[in-house]
Amino acid sequence: MFEDVIKHYPDFPKPGIDFIDVLPFLQDKKAFAEAVAEIDRCCTAPNVATVEARGFLFAAPLLCCSQKVDTIVPIRKKGKLPHADGDLVKVSIEKEYGSDEVFYRRSDLAACTVAGETIELTLLDDLLATGGTALGIAQALNGEVIGGRRVVVKEFVFLVELPALKGRKVLEGIAPVRSLMSLEGVE
């Protein structure tokens, strides 16, 4: 259903990588609305943690259209989140084409809706490849205790999954994995 919307760019950002571009959803109002509705169906936590920039595009509408999602926790690249001392958390991640770092703020977690004794999160991103980005973020978030409440990644939701890269296997030991589309044979 959504496979006709995305575009492929072979050998980007480096040879051997097939870049999956989800930005064409922004040129198709109906497909975008359907994708956001499907993401909403996949999310069961009241809080969504998402990675810049493409994750923001699909998470932000949930604040307006979802009856379940109350809060978005932004995860950004270095130098993009203003913060107070001790608020910023650095997360080392392994992507399919190299190491990187992303950051989140503990104050954003403190603003989340609480479910009993936990702060439950859906971790949303545009693409599941090797799972390195989501794994690093989930491990960091699951180690947090905010206001005496433990942070728990309840599920992973992805717009696109590349099963050949086996990212699902990496993440399933942490929480269930859901994806809107699966592109077999793409690496």
C-alpha atoms as a PDB file:
ATOM      1  CA  MET A   1       0.000   0.000   0.000  1.00  0.00           C
ATOM      2  CA  PHE A   2       2.679   2.546   1.001  1.00  0.00           C
ATOM      3  CA  GLU A   3       5.453   1.008  -1.103  1.00  0.00           C
ATOM      4  CA  ASP A   4       4.413   3.091  -4.121  1.00  0.00           C
ATOM      5  CA  VAL A   5       4.976   6.324  -2.197  1.00  0.00           C
ATOM      6  CA  ILE A   6       8.596   5.873  -1.099  1.00  0.00           C
ATOM      7  CA  LYS A   7      11.634   6.342  -3.350  1.00  0.00           C
ATOM      8  CA  HIS A   8      14.939   4.471  -3.491  1.00  0.00           C
ATOM      9  CA  TYR A   9      18.358   6.072  -3.992  1.00  0.00           C
ATOM     10  CA  PRO A  10      21.069   3.452  -4.574  1.00  0.00           C
ATOM     11  CA  ASP A  11      24.555   4.123  -3.210  1.00  0.00           C
ATOM     12  CA  PHE A  12      23.494   7.008  -0.955  1.00  0.00           C
ATOM     13  CA  PRO A  13      25.008   8.243   1.358  1.00  0.00           C
ATOM     14  CA  LYS A  14      27.772   5.814   0.368  1.00  0.00           C
ATOM     15  CA  PRO A  15      28.234   2.892  -2.029  1.00  0.00           C
ATOM     16  CA  GLY A  16      26.273  -0.210  -1.053  1.00  0.00           C
ATOM     17  CA  ILE A  17      23.529   1.654   0.829  1.00  0.00           C
ATOM     18  CA  ASP A  18      20.044   1.785  -0.708  1.00  0.00           C
ATOM     19  CA  PHE A  19      18.586   4.964   0.800  1.00  0.00           C
ATOM     20  CA  ILE A  20      14.843   4.719   1.375  1.00  0.00           C
ATOM     21  CA  ASP A  21      13.268   8.165   1.084  1.00  0.00           C
ATOM     22  CA  VAL A  22       9.986   8.612   2.992  1.00  0.00           C
ATOM     23  CA  LEU A  23       9.724  12.337   2.255  1.00  0.00           C
ATOM     24  CA  PRO A  24       7.427  11.723  -0.755  1.00  0.00           C
ATOM     25  CA  PHE A  25       4.696  11.115   1.853  1.00  0.00           C
ATOM     26  CA  LEU A  26       4.746  14.901   2.276  1.00  0.00           C
ATOM     27  CA  GLN A  27       3.647  15.238  -1.348  1.00  0.00           C
ATOM     28  CA  ASP A  28       0.655  12.910  -0.987  1.00  0.00           C
ATOM     29  CA  LYS A  29      -1.916  14.126   1.532  1.00  0.00           C
ATOM     30  CA  LYS A  30      -3.966  10.933   1.463  1.00  0.00           C
ATOM     31  CA  ALA A  31      -0.969   8.592   1.869  1.00  0.00           C
ATOM     32  CA  PHE A  32       0.450  10.749   4.661  1.00  0.00           C
ATOM     33  CA  ALA A  33      -2.871  10.762   6.541  1.00  0.00           C
ATOM     34  CA  GLU A  34      -3.168   6.984   6.126  1.00  0.00           C
ATOM     35  CA  ALA A  35       0.409   6.456   7.344  1.00  0.00           C
ATOM     36  CA  VAL A  36      -0.156   8.621  10.431  1.00  0.00           C
ATOM     37  CA  ALA A  37      -3.415   6.776  11.175  1.00  0.00           C
ATOM     38  CA  GLU A  38      -1.647   3.427  10.861  1.00  0.00           C
ATOM     39  CA  ILE A  39       1.194   4.620  13.129  1.00  0.00           C
ATOM     40  CA  ASP A  40      -1.446   5.681  15.648  1.00  0.00           C
ATOM     41  CA  ARG A  41      -2.955   2.182  15.547  1.00  0.00           C
ATOM     42  CA  CYS A  42       0.488   0.717  16.260  1.00  0.00           C
ATOM     43  CA  CYS A  43       1.230   2.995  19.231  1.00  0.00           C
ATOM     44  CA  THR A  44      -0.085   1.841  22.584  1.00  0.00           C
ATOM     45  CA  ALA A  45       2.034   4.046  24.873  1.00  0.00           C
ATOM     46  CA  PRO A  46       0.957   7.603  25.760  1.00  0.00           C
ATOM     47  CA  ASN A  47       4.422   8.937  24.927  1.00  0.00           C
ATOM     48  CA  VAL A  48       6.372   8.690  21.672  1.00  0.00           C
ATOM     49  CA  ALA A  49      10.146   9.067  21.501  1.00  0.00           C
ATOM     50  CA  THR A  50      11.307   9.810  17.976  1.00  0.00           C
ATOM     51  CA  VAL A  51      14.502  10.589  16.113  1.00  0.00           C
ATOM     52  CA  GLU A  52      15.048  13.655  13.964  1.00  0.00           C
ATOM     53  CA  ALA A  53      14.212  14.588  11.373  1.00  0.00           C
ATOM     54  CA  ARG A  54      11.941  12.200   9.523  1.00  0.00           C
ATOM     55  CA  GLY A  55      10.585  10.652  12.716  1.00  0.00           C
ATOM     56  CA  PHE A  56       9.349  14.093  13.804  1.00  0.00           C
ATOM     57  CA  LEU A  57       7.270  14.407  10.637  1.00  0.00           C
ATOM     58  CA  PHE A  58       5.277  11.286  11.436  1.00  0.00           C
ATOM     59  CA  ALA A  59       5.122  11.684  15.233  1.00  0.00           C
ATOM     60  CA  ALA A  60       3.988  15.308  15.535  1.00  0.00           C
ATOM     61  CA  PRO A  61       0.570  14.775  13.890  1.00  0.00           C
ATOM     62  CA  LEU A  62      -0.213  12.192  16.571  1.00  0.00           C
ATOM     63  CA  LEU A  63      -0.531  15.023  19.085  1.00  0.00           C
ATOM     64  CA  CYS A  64      -3.503  16.337  17.105  1.00  0.00           C
ATOM     65  CA  CYS A  65      -5.196  13.169  15.876  1.00  0.00           C
ATOM     66  CA  SER A  66      -4.453  10.456  18.446  1.00  0.00           C
ATOM     67  CA  GLN A  67      -6.609   9.718  21.456  1.00  0.00           C
ATOM     68  CA  LYS A  68      -3.678   7.785  22.990  1.00  0.00           C
ATOM     69  CA  VAL A  69      -0.548   9.892  22.397  1.00  0.00           C
ATOM     70  CA  ASP A  70      -0.001  12.795  24.803  1.00  0.00           C
ATOM     71  CA  THR A  71       3.697  13.620  24.529  1.00  0.00           C
ATOM     72  CA  ILE A  72       6.566  13.526  22.042  1.00  0.00           C
ATOM     73  CA  VAL A  73      10.153  13.091  23.258  1.00  0.00           C
ATOM     74  CA  PRO A  74      12.535  14.472  20.612  1.00  0.00           C
ATOM     75  CA  ILE A  75      15.847  12.735  20.026  1.00  0.00           C
ATOM     76  CA  ARG A  76      18.287  14.924  18.138  1.00  0.00           C
ATOM     77  CA  LYS A  77      21.801  15.223  16.801  1.00  0.00           C
ATOM     78  CA  LYS A  78      24.580  17.020  18.674  1.00  0.00           C
ATOM     79  CA  GLY A  79      24.051  20.726  19.295  1.00  0.00           C
ATOM     80  CA  LYS A  80      20.319  20.727  18.472  1.00  0.00           C
ATOM     81  CA  LEU A  81      18.708  20.548  21.947  1.00  0.00           C
ATOM     82  CA  PRO A  82      19.076  23.484  24.335  1.00  0.00           C
ATOM     83  CA  HIS A  83      19.473  22.121  27.844  1.00  0.00           C
ATOM     84  CA  ALA A  84      20.240  22.827  31.486  1.00  0.00           C
ATOM     85  CA  ASP A  85      23.210  21.209  33.224  1.00  0.00           C
ATOM     86  CA  GLY A  86      22.651  17.489  33.741  1.00  0.00           C
ATOM     87  CA  ASP A  87      19.578  17.408  31.503  1.00  0.00           C
ATOM     88  CA  LEU A  88      21.109  16.164  28.249  1.00  0.00           C
ATOM     89  CA  VAL A  89      21.832  12.462  27.696  1.00  0.00           C
ATOM     90  CA  LYS A  90      24.203  11.320  24.940  1.00  0.00           C
ATOM     91  CA  VAL A  91      23.458   8.015  23.218  1.00  0.00           C
ATOM     92  CA  SER A  92      26.032   6.249  21.038  1.00  0.00           C
ATOM     93  CA  ILE A  93      24.434   4.441  18.111  1.00  0.00           C
ATOM     94  CA  GLU A  94      25.621   2.158  15.329  1.00  0.00           C
ATOM     95  CA  LYS A  95      24.046   2.734  11.939  1.00  0.00           C
ATOM     96  CA  GLU A  96      24.484   0.497   8.925  1.00  0.00           C
ATOM     97  CA  TYR A  97      27.028   2.988   7.598  1.00  0.00           C
ATOM     98  CA  GLY A  98      28.867   4.051  10.765  1.00  0.00           C
ATOM     99  CA  SER A  99      28.765   5.258  14.352  1.00  0.00           C
ATOM    100  CA  ASP A 100      26.937   8.371  15.475  1.00  0.00           C
ATOM    101  CA  GLU A 101      25.544  10.083  18.558  1.00  0.00           C
ATOM    102  CA  VAL A 102      22.078  11.364  19.381  1.00  0.00           C
ATOM    103  CA  PHE A 103      20.740  13.146  22.453  1.00  0.00           C
ATOM    104  CA  TYR A 104      17.574  13.441  24.517  1.00  0.00           C
ATOM    105  CA  ARG A 105      16.622  15.550  27.531  1.00  0.00           C
ATOM    106  CA  ARG A 106      15.586  14.104  30.874  1.00  0.00           C
ATOM    107  CA  SER A 107      13.229  17.084  31.240  1.00  0.00           C
ATOM    108  CA  ASP A 108      11.300  15.829  28.185  1.00  0.00           C
ATOM    109  CA  LEU A 109      10.907  12.457  29.894  1.00  0.00           C
ATOM    110  CA  ALA A 110       9.734  14.219  33.067  1.00  0.00           C
ATOM    111  CA  ALA A 111       6.966  15.887  31.002  1.00  0.00           C
ATOM    112  CA  CYS A 112       5.650  12.489  29.839  1.00  0.00           C
ATOM    113  CA  THR A 113       2.366  10.941  30.880  1.00  0.00           C
ATOM    114  CA  VAL A 114       2.899   8.387  33.648  1.00  0.00           C
ATOM    115  CA  ALA A 115       1.305   4.931  33.589  1.00  0.00           C
ATOM    116  CA  GLY A 116       1.361   3.562  37.135  1.00  0.00           C
ATOM    117  CA  GLU A 117       4.978   3.416  38.225  1.00  0.00           C
ATOM    118  CA  THR A 118       6.436   3.697  34.718  1.00  0.00           C
ATOM    119  CA  ILE A 119       6.845   6.130  31.877  1.00  0.00           C
ATOM    120  CA  GLU A 120       5.913   4.054  28.832  1.00  0.00           C
ATOM    121  CA  LEU A 121       7.288   5.030  25.427  1.00  0.00           C
ATOM    122  CA  THR A 122       6.751   3.991  21.863  1.00  0.00           C
ATOM    123  CA  LEU A 123      10.032   4.408  19.991  1.00  0.00           C
ATOM    124  CA  LEU A 124       9.150   5.631  16.485  1.00  0.00           C
ATOM    125  CA  ASP A 125      11.506   6.001  13.539  1.00  0.00           C
ATOM    126  CA  ASP A 126      11.148   6.038   9.787  1.00  0.00           C
ATOM    127  CA  LEU A 127      13.353   3.038   8.969  1.00  0.00           C
ATOM    128  CA  LEU A 128      14.414  -0.224  10.592  1.00  0.00           C
ATOM    129  CA  ALA A 129      17.588  -1.512   8.975  1.00  0.00           C
ATOM    130  CA  THR A 130      20.212  -3.058  11.289  1.00  0.00           C
ATOM    131  CA  GLY A 131      18.414  -1.807  14.406  1.00  0.00           C
ATOM    132  CA  GLY A 132      21.497  -0.035  15.768  1.00  0.00           C
ATOM    133  CA  THR A 133      19.871   3.368  16.221  1.00  0.00           C
ATOM    134  CA  ALA A 134      16.767   2.029  17.967  1.00  0.00           C
ATOM    135  CA  LEU A 135      18.820  -0.391  20.074  1.00  0.00           C
ATOM    136  CA  GLY A 136      21.127   2.318  21.433  1.00  0.00           C
ATOM    137  CA  ILE A 137      18.237   4.648  22.183  1.00  0.00           C
ATOM    138  CA  ALA A 138      16.093   1.932  23.807  1.00  0.00           C
ATOM    139  CA  GLN A 139      18.945   0.767  26.010  1.00  0.00           C
ATOM    140  CA  ALA A 140      19.603   4.335  27.192  1.00  0.00           C
ATOM    141  CA  LEU A 141      15.915   5.108  27.786  1.00  0.00           C
ATOM    142  CA  ASN A 142      15.246   1.828  29.600  1.00  0.00           C
ATOM    143  CA  GLY A 143      18.049   2.758  32.018  1.00  0.00           C
ATOM    144  CA  GLU A 144      16.388   6.020  33.065  1.00  0.00           C
ATOM    145  CA  VAL A 145      14.498   6.644  36.296  1.00  0.00           C
ATOM    146  CA  ILE A 146      12.660   9.980  36.300  1.00  0.00           C
ATOM    147  CA  GLY A 147      10.954  11.170  39.462  1.00  0.00           C
ATOM    148  CA  GLY A 148      11.146   7.661  40.892  1.00  0.00           C
ATOM    149  CA  ARG A 149       9.479   6.190  37.807  1.00  0.00           C
ATOM    150  CA  ARG A 150      11.222   3.800  35.470  1.00  0.00           C
ATOM    151  CA  VAL A 151      11.218   4.574  31.741  1.00  0.00           C
ATOM    152  CA  VAL A 152      10.139   1.611  29.601  1.00  0.00           C
ATOM    153  CA  VAL A 153      10.246   1.295  25.824  1.00  0.00           C
ATOM    154  CA  LYS A 154       6.970  -0.547  25.320  1.00  0.00           C
ATOM    155  CA  GLU A 155       7.260  -1.034  21.541  1.00  0.00           C
ATOM    156  CA  PHE A 156       9.088  -0.029  18.391  1.00  0.00           C
ATOM    157  CA  VAL A 157       7.194   1.370  15.406  1.00  0.00           C
ATOM    158  CA  PHE A 158       8.768   1.936  11.988  1.00  0.00           C
ATOM    159  CA  LEU A 159       7.383   3.220   8.730  1.00  0.00           C
ATOM    160  CA  VAL A 160       9.685   0.945   6.687  1.00  0.00           C
ATOM    161  CA  GLU A 161      11.497  -2.261   7.598  1.00  0.00           C
ATOM    162  CA  LEU A 162      14.345  -3.878   5.656  1.00  0.00           C
ATOM    163  CA  PRO A 163      14.116  -7.531   6.842  1.00  0.00           C
ATOM    164  CA  ALA A 164      17.327  -8.563   5.057  1.00  0.00           C
ATOM    165  CA  LEU A 165      19.317  -6.458   7.566  1.00  0.00           C
ATOM    166  CA  LYS A 166      17.796  -8.319  10.551  1.00  0.00           C
ATOM    167  CA  GLY A 167      17.101  -5.280  12.745  1.00  0.00           C
ATOM    168  CA  ARG A 168      13.897  -6.836  14.071  1.00  0.00           C
ATOM    169  CA  LYS A 169      15.878  -9.692  15.668  1.00  0.00           C
ATOM    170  CA  VAL A 170      18.072  -7.150  17.453  1.00  0.00           C
ATOM    171  CA  LEU A 171      15.077  -5.328  18.956  1.00  0.00           C
ATOM    172  CA  GLU A 172      12.545  -8.073  19.717  1.00  0.00           C
ATOM    173  CA  GLY A 173      14.335  -8.981  22.949  1.00  0.00           C
ATOM    174  CA  ILE A 174      13.508  -5.500  24.240  1.00  0.00           C
ATOM    175  CA  ALA A 175       9.949  -4.926  23.002  1.00  0.00           C
ATOM    176  CA  PRO A 176       7.557  -5.828  20.164  1.00  0.00           C
ATOM    177  CA  VAL A 177       8.412  -4.443  16.713  1.00  0.00           C
ATOM    178  CA  ARG A 178       5.800  -3.144  14.286  1.00  0.00           C
ATOM    179  CA  SER A 179       6.352  -1.769  10.811  1.00  0.00           C
ATOM    180  CA  LEU A 180       3.948  -0.323   8.274  1.00  0.00           C
ATOM    181  CA  MET A 181       5.776  -1.822   5.302  1.00  0.00           C
ATOM    182  CA  SER A 182       8.442  -4.436   4.763  1.00  0.00           C
ATOM    183  CA  LEU A 183      10.766  -4.246   1.759  1.00  0.00           C
ATOM    184  CA  GLU A 184      12.041  -7.742   1.071  1.00  0.00           C
ATOM    185  CA  GLY A 185      15.393  -8.041  -0.658  1.00  0.00           C
ATOM    186  CA  VAL A 186      16.457  -4.417  -0.044  1.00  0.00           C
ATOM    187  CA  GLU A 187      19.742  -3.867   1.804  1.00  0.00           C
END
